[in-house]
Protein backbone atom coordinates (compact mmCIF):
# COMPACT_ATOMS: atom_id res chain seq x y z
CA UNK A 1 0.00 0.00 0.00
CA UNK A 2 2.86 2.37 0.81
CA UNK A 3 4.51 1.83 -2.56
CA UNK A 4 1.20 2.55 -4.31
CA UNK A 5 0.93 5.91 -2.54
CA UNK A 6 4.57 6.69 -3.37
CA UNK A 7 3.99 5.79 -7.03
CA UNK A 8 0.90 8.01 -7.26
CA UNK A 9 2.82 10.90 -5.67
CA UNK A 10 5.70 10.48 -8.10
CA UNK A 11 3.31 10.29 -11.04
CA UNK A 12 1.63 13.50 -9.86
CA UNK A 13 4.99 15.24 -9.64
CA UNK A 14 5.78 14.27 -13.22
CA UNK A 15 2.38 14.79 -14.87
CA UNK A 16 0.63 17.72 -13.18
CA UNK A 17 0.77 20.93 -15.25
CA UNK A 18 1.50 23.57 -12.62
CA UNK A 19 4.16 24.28 -9.95
CA UNK A 20 1.61 24.48 -7.15
CA UNK A 21 -0.20 21.34 -8.31
CA UNK A 22 3.11 19.48 -8.56
CA UNK A 23 3.82 20.42 -4.97
CA UNK A 24 0.91 18.27 -3.76
CA UNK A 25 2.26 15.02 -5.23
CA UNK A 26 5.35 14.67 -3.09
CA UNK A 27 3.98 16.48 -0.07
CA UNK A 28 0.84 14.39 0.28
CA UNK A 29 0.93 11.03 -1.49
CA UNK A 30 4.63 10.33 -1.30
CA UNK A 31 4.66 11.20 2.39
CA UNK A 32 1.92 8.65 3.02
CA UNK A 33 3.74 6.13 0.83
CA UNK A 34 7.08 6.43 2.55
CA UNK A 35 5.39 6.57 5.95
CA UNK A 36 3.43 3.41 5.19
CA UNK A 37 6.54 1.62 3.99
CA UNK A 38 8.45 2.63 7.13
CA UNK A 39 5.62 1.48 9.40
CA UNK A 40 5.48 -1.86 7.55
CA UNK A 41 9.24 -2.17 8.01
CA UNK A 42 8.87 -1.38 11.71
CA UNK A 43 6.20 -4.08 12.12
CA UNK A 44 8.28 -6.63 10.17
CA UNK A 45 11.51 -6.11 12.11
CA UNK A 46 9.67 -5.99 15.44
CA UNK A 47 8.07 -9.37 14.65
CA UNK A 48 11.35 -10.76 13.29
CA UNK A 49 13.54 -9.85 16.28
CA UNK A 50 10.98 -9.71 19.06
CA UNK A 51 12.32 -6.30 20.11
CA UNK A 52 10.53 -3.07 19.16
CA UNK A 53 12.21 -1.36 16.20
CA UNK A 54 12.04 2.36 16.91
CA UNK A 55 14.33 3.66 14.16
CA UNK A 56 11.57 3.52 11.57
CA UNK A 57 9.11 5.17 13.95
CA UNK A 58 11.49 8.09 14.51
CA UNK A 59 12.05 8.49 10.77
CA UNK A 60 8.28 8.43 10.16
CA UNK A 61 7.67 11.08 12.82
CA UNK A 62 10.41 13.29 11.38
CA UNK A 63 8.93 12.87 7.90
CA UNK A 64 5.41 13.72 9.06
CA UNK A 65 6.64 16.86 10.83
CA UNK A 66 9.11 18.16 8.26
CA UNK A 67 7.18 17.59 5.01
CA UNK A 68 4.31 20.06 5.63
CA UNK A 69 6.77 22.71 6.79
CA UNK A 70 9.00 22.30 3.75
CA UNK A 71 6.00 22.24 1.36
CA UNK A 72 4.73 25.47 2.91
CA UNK A 73 8.13 27.13 2.50
CA UNK A 74 8.43 25.99 -1.13
CA UNK A 75 4.91 27.33 -1.88
CA UNK A 76 5.77 30.67 -0.27
CA UNK A 77 8.97 30.83 -2.34
CA UNK A 78 6.90 30.18 -5.48
CA UNK A 79 4.52 32.99 -4.57
CA UNK A 80 7.45 35.29 -3.82
CA UNK A 81 8.97 34.53 -7.24
CA UNK A 82 5.66 35.39 -8.90
CA UNK A 83 4.63 31.94 -10.07
CA UNK A 84 0.91 31.70 -10.78
CA UNK A 85 -1.44 28.78 -10.95
CA UNK A 86 -2.79 27.82 -14.38
CA UNK A 87 -6.22 27.20 -12.82
CA UNK A 88 -8.52 30.08 -12.02
CA UNK A 89 -9.41 30.34 -8.36
CA UNK A 90 -13.07 30.85 -7.43
CA UNK A 91 -13.96 34.51 -7.86
CA UNK A 92 -10.89 35.34 -9.96
CA UNK A 93 -11.05 35.99 -13.70
CA UNK A 94 -9.31 33.48 -15.97
CA UNK A 95 -6.37 34.59 -18.08
CA UNK A 96 -8.69 34.99 -21.08
CA UNK A 97 -11.15 37.25 -19.26
CA UNK A 98 -10.37 40.90 -18.59
CA UNK A 99 -10.01 41.67 -14.91
CA UNK A 100 -11.51 45.14 -15.14
CA UNK A 101 -8.31 46.98 -14.27
CA UNK A 102 -6.71 49.33 -16.74
PDB file of N, CA and C in Angstrom:
ATOM      1  N   UNK A   1       0.829  -1.190   0.000  1.00  0.00           N
ATOM      2  CA  UNK A   1       0.000   0.000   0.000  1.00  0.00           C
ATOM      3  C   UNK A   1       0.876   1.259   0.000  1.00  0.00           C
ATOM      4  N   UNK A   2       1.969   1.218   0.760  1.00  0.00           N
ATOM      5  CA  UNK A   2       2.861   2.368   0.810  1.00  0.00           C
ATOM      6  C   UNK A   2       3.506   2.664  -0.533  1.00  0.00           C
ATOM      7  N   UNK A   3       3.889   1.608  -1.249  1.00  0.00           N
ATOM      8  CA  UNK A   3       4.508   1.830  -2.557  1.00  0.00           C
ATOM      9  C   UNK A   3       3.495   2.379  -3.561  1.00  0.00           C
ATOM     10  N   UNK A   4       2.227   2.009  -3.420  1.00  0.00           N
ATOM     11  CA  UNK A   4       1.197   2.551  -4.310  1.00  0.00           C
ATOM     12  C   UNK A   4       1.040   4.057  -4.091  1.00  0.00           C
ATOM     13  N   UNK A   5       1.004   4.477  -2.825  1.00  0.00           N
ATOM     14  CA  UNK A   5       0.934   5.910  -2.541  1.00  0.00           C
ATOM     15  C   UNK A   5       2.166   6.643  -3.067  1.00  0.00           C
ATOM     16  N   UNK A   6       3.338   6.065  -2.886  1.00  0.00           N
ATOM     17  CA  UNK A   6       4.567   6.694  -3.371  1.00  0.00           C
ATOM     18  C   UNK A   6       4.564   6.797  -4.896  1.00  0.00           C
ATOM     19  N   UNK A   7       4.065   5.767  -5.562  1.00  0.00           N
ATOM     20  CA  UNK A   7       3.991   5.790  -7.025  1.00  0.00           C
ATOM     21  C   UNK A   7       3.026   6.866  -7.512  1.00  0.00           C
ATOM     22  N   UNK A   8       1.880   6.983  -6.870  1.00  0.00           N
ATOM     23  CA  UNK A   8       0.902   8.006  -7.256  1.00  0.00           C
ATOM     24  C   UNK A   8       1.482   9.406  -7.030  1.00  0.00           C
ATOM     25  N   UNK A   9       2.192   9.604  -5.931  1.00  0.00           N
ATOM     26  CA  UNK A   9       2.820  10.898  -5.669  1.00  0.00           C
ATOM     27  C   UNK A   9       3.883  11.233  -6.697  1.00  0.00           C
ATOM     28  N   UNK A  10       4.668  10.262  -7.091  1.00  0.00           N
ATOM     29  CA  UNK A  10       5.703  10.482  -8.102  1.00  0.00           C
ATOM     30  C   UNK A  10       5.079  10.769  -9.465  1.00  0.00           C
ATOM     31  N   UNK A  11       4.007  10.054  -9.773  1.00  0.00           N
ATOM     32  CA  UNK A  11       3.314  10.288 -11.041  1.00  0.00           C
ATOM     33  C   UNK A  11       2.724  11.698 -11.067  1.00  0.00           C
ATOM     34  N   UNK A  12       2.165  12.140  -9.939  1.00  0.00           N
ATOM     35  CA  UNK A  12       1.627  13.495  -9.859  1.00  0.00           C
ATOM     36  C   UNK A  12       2.698  14.545 -10.030  1.00  0.00           C
ATOM     37  N   UNK A  13       3.877  14.304  -9.482  1.00  0.00           N
ATOM     38  CA  UNK A  13       4.991  15.240  -9.640  1.00  0.00           C
ATOM     39  C   UNK A  13       5.390  15.360 -11.098  1.00  0.00           C
ATOM     40  N   UNK A  14       5.358  14.258 -11.819  1.00  0.00           N
ATOM     41  CA  UNK A  14       5.782  14.271 -13.216  1.00  0.00           C
ATOM     42  C   UNK A  14       4.706  14.788 -14.171  1.00  0.00           C
ATOM     43  N   UNK A  15       3.438  14.541 -13.886  1.00  0.00           N
ATOM     44  CA  UNK A  15       2.384  14.792 -14.866  1.00  0.00           C
ATOM     45  C   UNK A  15       1.531  16.035 -14.629  1.00  0.00           C
ATOM     46  N   UNK A  16       1.493  16.568 -13.420  1.00  0.00           N
ATOM     47  CA  UNK A  16       0.628  17.723 -13.180  1.00  0.00           C
ATOM     48  C   UNK A  16       1.194  18.964 -13.867  1.00  0.00           C
ATOM     49  N   UNK A  17       0.327  19.859 -14.365  1.00  0.00           N
ATOM     50  CA  UNK A  17       0.774  20.931 -15.247  1.00  0.00           C
ATOM     51  C   UNK A  17       1.349  22.169 -14.564  1.00  0.00           C
ATOM     52  N   UNK A  18       1.250  22.299 -13.282  1.00  0.00           N
ATOM     53  CA  UNK A  18       1.503  23.567 -12.619  1.00  0.00           C
ATOM     54  C   UNK A  18       2.431  23.362 -11.429  1.00  0.00           C
ATOM     55  N   UNK A  19       3.239  24.363 -11.093  1.00  0.00           N
ATOM     56  CA  UNK A  19       4.157  24.283  -9.955  1.00  0.00           C
ATOM     57  C   UNK A  19       3.421  23.965  -8.664  1.00  0.00           C
ATOM     58  N   UNK A  20       2.335  24.671  -8.396  1.00  0.00           N
ATOM     59  CA  UNK A  20       1.608  24.477  -7.146  1.00  0.00           C
ATOM     60  C   UNK A  20       0.879  23.142  -7.114  1.00  0.00           C
ATOM     61  N   UNK A  21       0.411  22.660  -8.265  1.00  0.00           N
ATOM     62  CA  UNK A  21      -0.203  21.337  -8.315  1.00  0.00           C
ATOM     63  C   UNK A  21       0.852  20.251  -8.123  1.00  0.00           C
ATOM     64  N   UNK A  22       2.032  20.449  -8.701  1.00  0.00           N
ATOM     65  CA  UNK A  22       3.112  19.477  -8.556  1.00  0.00           C
ATOM     66  C   UNK A  22       3.591  19.382  -7.115  1.00  0.00           C
ATOM     67  N   UNK A  23       3.398  20.417  -6.362  1.00  0.00           N
ATOM     68  CA  UNK A  23       3.819  20.423  -4.969  1.00  0.00           C
ATOM     69  C   UNK A  23       3.005  19.433  -4.137  1.00  0.00           C
ATOM     70  N   UNK A  24       1.766  19.165  -4.531  1.00  0.00           N
ATOM     71  CA  UNK A  24       0.906  18.271  -3.761  1.00  0.00           C
ATOM     72  C   UNK A  24       1.309  16.805  -3.893  1.00  0.00           C
ATOM     73  N   UNK A  25       1.871  16.424  -5.039  1.00  0.00           N
ATOM     74  CA  UNK A  25       2.256  15.024  -5.230  1.00  0.00           C
ATOM     75  C   UNK A  25       3.237  14.536  -4.177  1.00  0.00           C
ATOM     76  N   UNK A  26       4.399  15.155  -4.087  1.00  0.00           N
ATOM     77  CA  UNK A  26       5.355  14.673  -3.092  1.00  0.00           C
ATOM     78  C   UNK A  26       4.960  14.998  -1.657  1.00  0.00           C
ATOM     79  N   UNK A  27       4.266  16.108  -1.453  1.00  0.00           N
ATOM     80  CA  UNK A  27       3.981  16.482  -0.068  1.00  0.00           C
ATOM     81  C   UNK A  27       2.821  15.699   0.530  1.00  0.00           C
ATOM     82  N   UNK A  28       1.978  15.136  -0.260  1.00  0.00           N
ATOM     83  CA  UNK A  28       0.840  14.387   0.279  1.00  0.00           C
ATOM     84  C   UNK A  28       1.008  12.887   0.050  1.00  0.00           C
ATOM     85  N   UNK A  29       0.938  12.470  -1.185  1.00  0.00           N
ATOM     86  CA  UNK A  29       0.925  11.034  -1.487  1.00  0.00           C
ATOM     87  C   UNK A  29       2.249  10.351  -1.179  1.00  0.00           C
ATOM     88  N   UNK A  30       3.339  10.971  -1.553  1.00  0.00           N
ATOM     89  CA  UNK A  30       4.628  10.330  -1.299  1.00  0.00           C
ATOM     90  C   UNK A  30       4.922  10.255   0.192  1.00  0.00           C
ATOM     91  N   UNK A  31       4.477  11.243   0.944  1.00  0.00           N
ATOM     92  CA  UNK A  31       4.660  11.195   2.393  1.00  0.00           C
ATOM     93  C   UNK A  31       3.910  10.012   2.984  1.00  0.00           C
ATOM     94  N   UNK A  32       2.677   9.813   2.551  1.00  0.00           N
ATOM     95  CA  UNK A  32       1.919   8.648   3.018  1.00  0.00           C
ATOM     96  C   UNK A  32       2.561   7.350   2.566  1.00  0.00           C
ATOM     97  N   UNK A  33       3.092   7.340   1.348  1.00  0.00           N
ATOM     98  CA  UNK A  33       3.735   6.131   0.832  1.00  0.00           C
ATOM     99  C   UNK A  33       4.980   5.761   1.601  1.00  0.00           C
ATOM    100  N   UNK A  34       5.861   6.711   1.802  1.00  0.00           N
ATOM    101  CA  UNK A  34       7.082   6.433   2.553  1.00  0.00           C
ATOM    102  C   UNK A  34       6.758   6.126   4.007  1.00  0.00           C
ATOM    103  N   UNK A  35       5.802   6.853   4.582  1.00  0.00           N
ATOM    104  CA  UNK A  35       5.390   6.570   5.953  1.00  0.00           C
ATOM    105  C   UNK A  35       4.813   5.175   6.104  1.00  0.00           C
ATOM    106  N   UNK A  36       3.992   4.758   5.150  1.00  0.00           N
ATOM    107  CA  UNK A  36       3.426   3.408   5.185  1.00  0.00           C
ATOM    108  C   UNK A  36       4.484   2.332   5.040  1.00  0.00           C
ATOM    109  N   UNK A  37       5.456   2.576   4.170  1.00  0.00           N
ATOM    110  CA  UNK A  37       6.542   1.617   3.992  1.00  0.00           C
ATOM    111  C   UNK A  37       7.396   1.517   5.258  1.00  0.00           C
ATOM    112  N   UNK A  38       7.658   2.652   5.893  1.00  0.00           N
ATOM    113  CA  UNK A  38       8.445   2.633   7.132  1.00  0.00           C
ATOM    114  C   UNK A  38       7.696   1.943   8.272  1.00  0.00           C
ATOM    115  N   UNK A  39       6.400   2.152   8.352  1.00  0.00           N
ATOM    116  CA  UNK A  39       5.619   1.483   9.401  1.00  0.00           C
ATOM    117  C   UNK A  39       5.571  -0.028   9.141  1.00  0.00           C
ATOM    118  N   UNK A  40       5.440  -0.433   7.875  1.00  0.00           N
ATOM    119  CA  UNK A  40       5.477  -1.860   7.550  1.00  0.00           C
ATOM    120  C   UNK A  40       6.841  -2.454   7.909  1.00  0.00           C
ATOM    121  N   UNK A  41       7.904  -1.707   7.648  1.00  0.00           N
ATOM    122  CA  UNK A  41       9.241  -2.168   8.014  1.00  0.00           C
ATOM    123  C   UNK A  41       9.379  -2.291   9.534  1.00  0.00           C
ATOM    124  N   UNK A  42       8.809  -1.342  10.246  1.00  0.00           N
ATOM    125  CA  UNK A  42       8.865  -1.384  11.706  1.00  0.00           C
ATOM    126  C   UNK A  42       8.137  -2.622  12.233  1.00  0.00           C
ATOM    127  N   UNK A  43       6.967  -2.906  11.685  1.00  0.00           N
ATOM    128  CA  UNK A  43       6.202  -4.080  12.119  1.00  0.00           C
ATOM    129  C   UNK A  43       6.957  -5.367  11.782  1.00  0.00           C
ATOM    130  N   UNK A  44       7.543  -5.425  10.586  1.00  0.00           N
ATOM    131  CA  UNK A  44       8.276  -6.633  10.171  1.00  0.00           C
ATOM    132  C   UNK A  44       9.467  -6.903  11.084  1.00  0.00           C
ATOM    133  N   UNK A  45      10.309  -5.887  11.314  1.00  0.00           N
ATOM    134  CA  UNK A  45      11.510  -6.115  12.115  1.00  0.00           C
ATOM    135  C   UNK A  45      11.188  -6.306  13.598  1.00  0.00           C
ATOM    136  N   UNK A  46      10.102  -5.729  14.065  1.00  0.00           N
ATOM    137  CA  UNK A  46       9.674  -5.995  15.438  1.00  0.00           C
ATOM    138  C   UNK A  46       9.239  -7.451  15.583  1.00  0.00           C
ATOM    139  N   UNK A  47       8.505  -7.967  14.614  1.00  0.00           N
ATOM    140  CA  UNK A  47       8.070  -9.366  14.649  1.00  0.00           C
ATOM    141  C   UNK A  47       9.246 -10.317  14.440  1.00  0.00           C
ATOM    142  N   UNK A  48      10.196  -9.923  13.603  1.00  0.00           N
ATOM    143  CA  UNK A  48      11.352 -10.760  13.292  1.00  0.00           C
ATOM    144  C   UNK A  48      12.267 -10.931  14.508  1.00  0.00           C
ATOM    145  N   UNK A  49      12.570  -9.840  15.190  1.00  0.00           N
ATOM    146  CA  UNK A  49      13.542  -9.854  16.277  1.00  0.00           C
ATOM    147  C   UNK A  49      12.901 -10.002  17.652  1.00  0.00           C
ATOM    148  N   UNK A  50      11.636  -9.658  17.773  1.00  0.00           N
ATOM    149  CA  UNK A  50      10.977  -9.711  19.060  1.00  0.00           C
ATOM    150  C   UNK A  50      11.248  -8.493  19.933  1.00  0.00           C
ATOM    151  N   UNK A  51      11.983  -7.536  19.401  1.00  0.00           N
ATOM    152  CA  UNK A  51      12.318  -6.300  20.106  1.00  0.00           C
ATOM    153  C   UNK A  51      11.742  -5.148  19.286  1.00  0.00           C
ATOM    154  N   UNK A  52      11.091  -4.185  19.925  1.00  0.00           N
ATOM    155  CA  UNK A  52      10.532  -3.067  19.155  1.00  0.00           C
ATOM    156  C   UNK A  52      11.600  -2.322  18.351  1.00  0.00           C
ATOM    157  N   UNK A  53      11.298  -2.078  17.093  1.00  0.00           N
ATOM    158  CA  UNK A  53      12.209  -1.356  16.201  1.00  0.00           C
ATOM    159  C   UNK A  53      11.743   0.098  16.137  1.00  0.00           C
ATOM    160  N   UNK A  54      12.468   0.966  16.802  1.00  0.00           N
ATOM    161  CA  UNK A  54      12.041   2.356  16.909  1.00  0.00           C
ATOM    162  C   UNK A  54      12.687   3.283  15.876  1.00  0.00           C
ATOM    163  N   UNK A  55      13.689   2.814  15.160  1.00  0.00           N
ATOM    164  CA  UNK A  55      14.334   3.662  14.160  1.00  0.00           C
ATOM    165  C   UNK A  55      13.338   4.126  13.098  1.00  0.00           C
ATOM    166  N   UNK A  56      12.544   3.184  12.604  1.00  0.00           N
ATOM    167  CA  UNK A  56      11.566   3.519  11.569  1.00  0.00           C
ATOM    168  C   UNK A  56      10.494   4.461  12.104  1.00  0.00           C
ATOM    169  N   UNK A  57      10.111   4.280  13.355  1.00  0.00           N
ATOM    170  CA  UNK A  57       9.112   5.166  13.949  1.00  0.00           C
ATOM    171  C   UNK A  57       9.640   6.596  14.042  1.00  0.00           C
ATOM    172  N   UNK A  58      10.889   6.749  14.434  1.00  0.00           N
ATOM    173  CA  UNK A  58      11.485   8.091  14.513  1.00  0.00           C
ATOM    174  C   UNK A  58      11.598   8.739  13.134  1.00  0.00           C
ATOM    175  N   UNK A  59      11.970   7.953  12.127  1.00  0.00           N
ATOM    176  CA  UNK A  59      12.054   8.491  10.765  1.00  0.00           C
ATOM    177  C   UNK A  59      10.674   8.913  10.281  1.00  0.00           C
ATOM    178  N   UNK A  60       9.652   8.097  10.559  1.00  0.00           N
ATOM    179  CA  UNK A  60       8.284   8.428  10.155  1.00  0.00           C
ATOM    180  C   UNK A  60       7.809   9.711  10.818  1.00  0.00           C
ATOM    181  N   UNK A  61       8.067   9.851  12.116  1.00  0.00           N
ATOM    182  CA  UNK A  61       7.667  11.078  12.822  1.00  0.00           C
ATOM    183  C   UNK A  61       8.381  12.302  12.260  1.00  0.00           C
ATOM    184  N   UNK A  62       9.674  12.185  11.977  1.00  0.00           N
ATOM    185  CA  UNK A  62      10.413  13.294  11.377  1.00  0.00           C
ATOM    186  C   UNK A  62       9.844  13.649  10.006  1.00  0.00           C
ATOM    187  N   UNK A  63       9.512  12.642   9.229  1.00  0.00           N
ATOM    188  CA  UNK A  63       8.932  12.867   7.904  1.00  0.00           C
ATOM    189  C   UNK A  63       7.583  13.566   7.994  1.00  0.00           C
ATOM    190  N   UNK A  64       6.741  13.129   8.922  1.00  0.00           N
ATOM    191  CA  UNK A  64       5.408  13.717   9.057  1.00  0.00           C
ATOM    192  C   UNK A  64       5.453  15.141   9.594  1.00  0.00           C
ATOM    193  N   UNK A  65       6.509  15.491  10.313  1.00  0.00           N
ATOM    194  CA  UNK A  65       6.637  16.856  10.833  1.00  0.00           C
ATOM    195  C   UNK A  65       7.300  17.772   9.807  1.00  0.00           C
ATOM    196  N   UNK A  66       8.326  17.282   9.129  1.00  0.00           N
ATOM    197  CA  UNK A  66       9.106  18.156   8.257  1.00  0.00           C
ATOM    198  C   UNK A  66       8.485  18.385   6.878  1.00  0.00           C
ATOM    199  N   UNK A  67       7.726  17.435   6.365  1.00  0.00           N
ATOM    200  CA  UNK A  67       7.176  17.588   5.014  1.00  0.00           C
ATOM    201  C   UNK A  67       6.184  18.743   4.888  1.00  0.00           C
ATOM    202  N   UNK A  68       5.209  18.920   5.775  1.00  0.00           N
ATOM    203  CA  UNK A  68       4.310  20.064   5.627  1.00  0.00           C
ATOM    204  C   UNK A  68       5.031  21.408   5.753  1.00  0.00           C
ATOM    205  N   UNK A  69       6.027  21.465   6.617  1.00  0.00           N
ATOM    206  CA  UNK A  69       6.773  22.712   6.788  1.00  0.00           C
ATOM    207  C   UNK A  69       7.553  23.039   5.518  1.00  0.00           C
ATOM    208  N   UNK A  70       8.235  22.048   4.961  1.00  0.00           N
ATOM    209  CA  UNK A  70       9.005  22.305   3.746  1.00  0.00           C
ATOM    210  C   UNK A  70       8.089  22.609   2.558  1.00  0.00           C
ATOM    211  N   UNK A  71       6.938  21.945   2.447  1.00  0.00           N
ATOM    212  CA  UNK A  71       6.000  22.238   1.360  1.00  0.00           C
ATOM    213  C   UNK A  71       5.463  23.665   1.481  1.00  0.00           C
ATOM    214  N   UNK A  72       5.196  24.102   2.695  1.00  0.00           N
ATOM    215  CA  UNK A  72       4.732  25.468   2.909  1.00  0.00           C
ATOM    216  C   UNK A  72       5.798  26.481   2.494  1.00  0.00           C
ATOM    217  N   UNK A  73       7.047  26.216   2.858  1.00  0.00           N
ATOM    218  CA  UNK A  73       8.127  27.131   2.495  1.00  0.00           C
ATOM    219  C   UNK A  73       8.366  27.169   0.987  1.00  0.00           C
ATOM    220  N   UNK A  74       8.265  26.027   0.327  1.00  0.00           N
ATOM    221  CA  UNK A  74       8.426  25.992  -1.130  1.00  0.00           C
ATOM    222  C   UNK A  74       7.284  26.746  -1.805  1.00  0.00           C
ATOM    223  N   UNK A  75       6.053  26.596  -1.307  1.00  0.00           N
ATOM    224  CA  UNK A  75       4.913  27.327  -1.876  1.00  0.00           C
ATOM    225  C   UNK A  75       5.074  28.828  -1.678  1.00  0.00           C
ATOM    226  N   UNK A  76       5.544  29.247  -0.512  1.00  0.00           N
ATOM    227  CA  UNK A  76       5.772  30.674  -0.273  1.00  0.00           C
ATOM    228  C   UNK A  76       6.876  31.211  -1.177  1.00  0.00           C
ATOM    229  N   UNK A  77       7.906  30.408  -1.428  1.00  0.00           N
ATOM    230  CA  UNK A  77       8.966  30.826  -2.343  1.00  0.00           C
ATOM    231  C   UNK A  77       8.418  30.979  -3.762  1.00  0.00           C
ATOM    232  N   UNK A  78       7.523  30.067  -4.168  1.00  0.00           N
ATOM    233  CA  UNK A  78       6.896  30.180  -5.483  1.00  0.00           C
ATOM    234  C   UNK A  78       6.048  31.427  -5.603  1.00  0.00           C
ATOM    235  N   UNK A  79       5.309  31.759  -4.559  1.00  0.00           N
ATOM    236  CA  UNK A  79       4.519  32.993  -4.573  1.00  0.00           C
ATOM    237  C   UNK A  79       5.415  34.222  -4.604  1.00  0.00           C
ATOM    238  N   UNK A  80       6.508  34.171  -3.848  1.00  0.00           N
ATOM    239  CA  UNK A  80       7.446  35.288  -3.817  1.00  0.00           C
ATOM    240  C   UNK A  80       8.098  35.511  -5.182  1.00  0.00           C
ATOM    241  N   UNK A  81       8.358  34.424  -5.905  1.00  0.00           N
ATOM    242  CA  UNK A  81       8.968  34.525  -7.236  1.00  0.00           C
ATOM    243  C   UNK A  81       7.956  34.915  -8.308  1.00  0.00           C
ATOM    244  N   UNK A  82       6.681  34.963  -7.957  1.00  0.00           N
ATOM    245  CA  UNK A  82       5.662  35.393  -8.905  1.00  0.00           C
ATOM    246  C   UNK A  82       5.084  34.272  -9.746  1.00  0.00           C
ATOM    247  N   UNK A  83       5.238  33.039  -9.327  1.00  0.00           N
ATOM    248  CA  UNK A  83       4.631  31.937 -10.065  1.00  0.00           C
ATOM    249  C   UNK A  83       3.129  31.954  -9.831  1.00  0.00           C
ATOM    250  N   UNK A  84       2.372  31.690 -10.882  1.00  0.00           N
ATOM    251  CA  UNK A  84       0.910  31.702 -10.776  1.00  0.00           C
ATOM    252  C   UNK A  84       0.370  30.345 -11.175  1.00  0.00           C
ATOM    253  N   UNK A  85      -0.764  30.023 -10.623  1.00  0.00           N
ATOM    254  CA  UNK A  85      -1.442  28.778 -10.952  1.00  0.00           C
ATOM    255  C   UNK A  85      -2.083  28.905 -12.329  1.00  0.00           C
ATOM    256  N   UNK A  86      -2.135  27.799 -13.070  1.00  0.00           N
ATOM    257  CA  UNK A  86      -2.789  27.820 -14.378  1.00  0.00           C
ATOM    258  C   UNK A  86      -4.296  27.689 -14.241  1.00  0.00           C
ATOM    259  N   UNK A  87      -4.779  27.324 -13.068  1.00  0.00           N
ATOM    260  CA  UNK A  87      -6.216  27.196 -12.825  1.00  0.00           C
ATOM    261  C   UNK A  87      -6.733  28.462 -12.173  1.00  0.00           C
ATOM    262  N   UNK A  88      -7.896  28.907 -12.626  1.00  0.00           N
ATOM    263  CA  UNK A  88      -8.515  30.085 -12.024  1.00  0.00           C
ATOM    264  C   UNK A  88      -9.088  29.708 -10.660  1.00  0.00           C
ATOM    265  N   UNK A  89      -8.853  30.548  -9.688  1.00  0.00           N
ATOM    266  CA  UNK A  89      -9.409  30.345  -8.359  1.00  0.00           C
ATOM    267  C   UNK A  89     -10.845  30.865  -8.355  1.00  0.00           C
ATOM    268  N   UNK A  90     -11.693  30.364  -7.480  1.00  0.00           N
ATOM    269  CA  UNK A  90     -13.073  30.854  -7.427  1.00  0.00           C
ATOM    270  C   UNK A  90     -13.109  32.363  -7.176  1.00  0.00           C
ATOM    271  N   UNK A  91     -13.832  33.066  -8.007  1.00  0.00           N
ATOM    272  CA  UNK A  91     -13.962  34.513  -7.860  1.00  0.00           C
ATOM    273  C   UNK A  91     -12.920  35.310  -8.617  1.00  0.00           C
ATOM    274  N   UNK A  92     -11.914  34.646  -9.194  1.00  0.00           N
ATOM    275  CA  UNK A  92     -10.892  35.337  -9.959  1.00  0.00           C
ATOM    276  C   UNK A  92     -11.168  35.149 -11.448  1.00  0.00           C
ATOM    277  N   UNK A  93     -10.862  36.152 -12.264  1.00  0.00           N
ATOM    278  CA  UNK A  93     -11.050  35.987 -13.704  1.00  0.00           C
ATOM    279  C   UNK A  93      -9.974  35.038 -14.257  1.00  0.00           C
ATOM    280  N   UNK A  94     -10.307  34.312 -15.326  1.00  0.00           N
ATOM    281  CA  UNK A  94      -9.306  33.476 -15.965  1.00  0.00           C
ATOM    282  C   UNK A  94      -8.369  34.362 -16.760  1.00  0.00           C
ATOM    283  N   UNK A  95      -7.336  33.803 -17.323  1.00  0.00           N
ATOM    284  CA  UNK A  95      -6.369  34.588 -18.080  1.00  0.00           C
ATOM    285  C   UNK A  95      -6.979  35.168 -19.355  1.00  0.00           C
ATOM    286  N   UNK A  96      -8.041  34.533 -19.856  1.00  0.00           N
ATOM    287  CA  UNK A  96      -8.686  34.993 -21.081  1.00  0.00           C
ATOM    288  C   UNK A  96      -9.671  36.117 -20.820  1.00  0.00           C
ATOM    289  N   UNK A  97     -10.160  36.235 -19.587  1.00  0.00           N
ATOM    290  CA  UNK A  97     -11.145  37.254 -19.259  1.00  0.00           C
ATOM    291  C   UNK A  97     -10.444  38.516 -18.759  1.00  0.00           C
ATOM    292  N   UNK A  98     -10.956  39.691 -19.143  1.00  0.00           N
ATOM    293  CA  UNK A  98     -10.373  40.900 -18.589  1.00  0.00           C
ATOM    294  C   UNK A  98     -10.700  41.021 -17.105  1.00  0.00           C
ATOM    295  N   UNK A  99      -9.772  41.572 -16.341  1.00  0.00           N
ATOM    296  CA  UNK A  99     -10.013  41.665 -14.911  1.00  0.00           C
ATOM    297  C   UNK A  99     -10.624  43.013 -14.493  1.00  0.00           C
ATOM    298  N   UNK A 100     -10.853  43.884 -15.433  1.00  0.00           N
ATOM    299  CA  UNK A 100     -11.509  45.141 -15.143  1.00  0.00           C
ATOM    300  C   UNK A 100     -10.540  46.253 -14.767  1.00  0.00           C
ATOM    301  N   UNK A 101      -9.275  45.926 -14.601  1.00  0.00           N
ATOM    302  CA  UNK A 101      -8.307  46.979 -14.269  1.00  0.00           C
ATOM    303  C   UNK A 101      -7.640  47.476 -15.547  1.00  0.00           C
ATOM    304  N   UNK A 102      -7.315  48.750 -15.541  1.00  0.00           N
ATOM    305  CA  UNK A 102      -6.712  49.331 -16.742  1.00  0.00           C
ATOM    306  C   UNK A 102      -5.242  49.556 -16.540  1.00  0.00           C
TER     307      UNK A 102
END
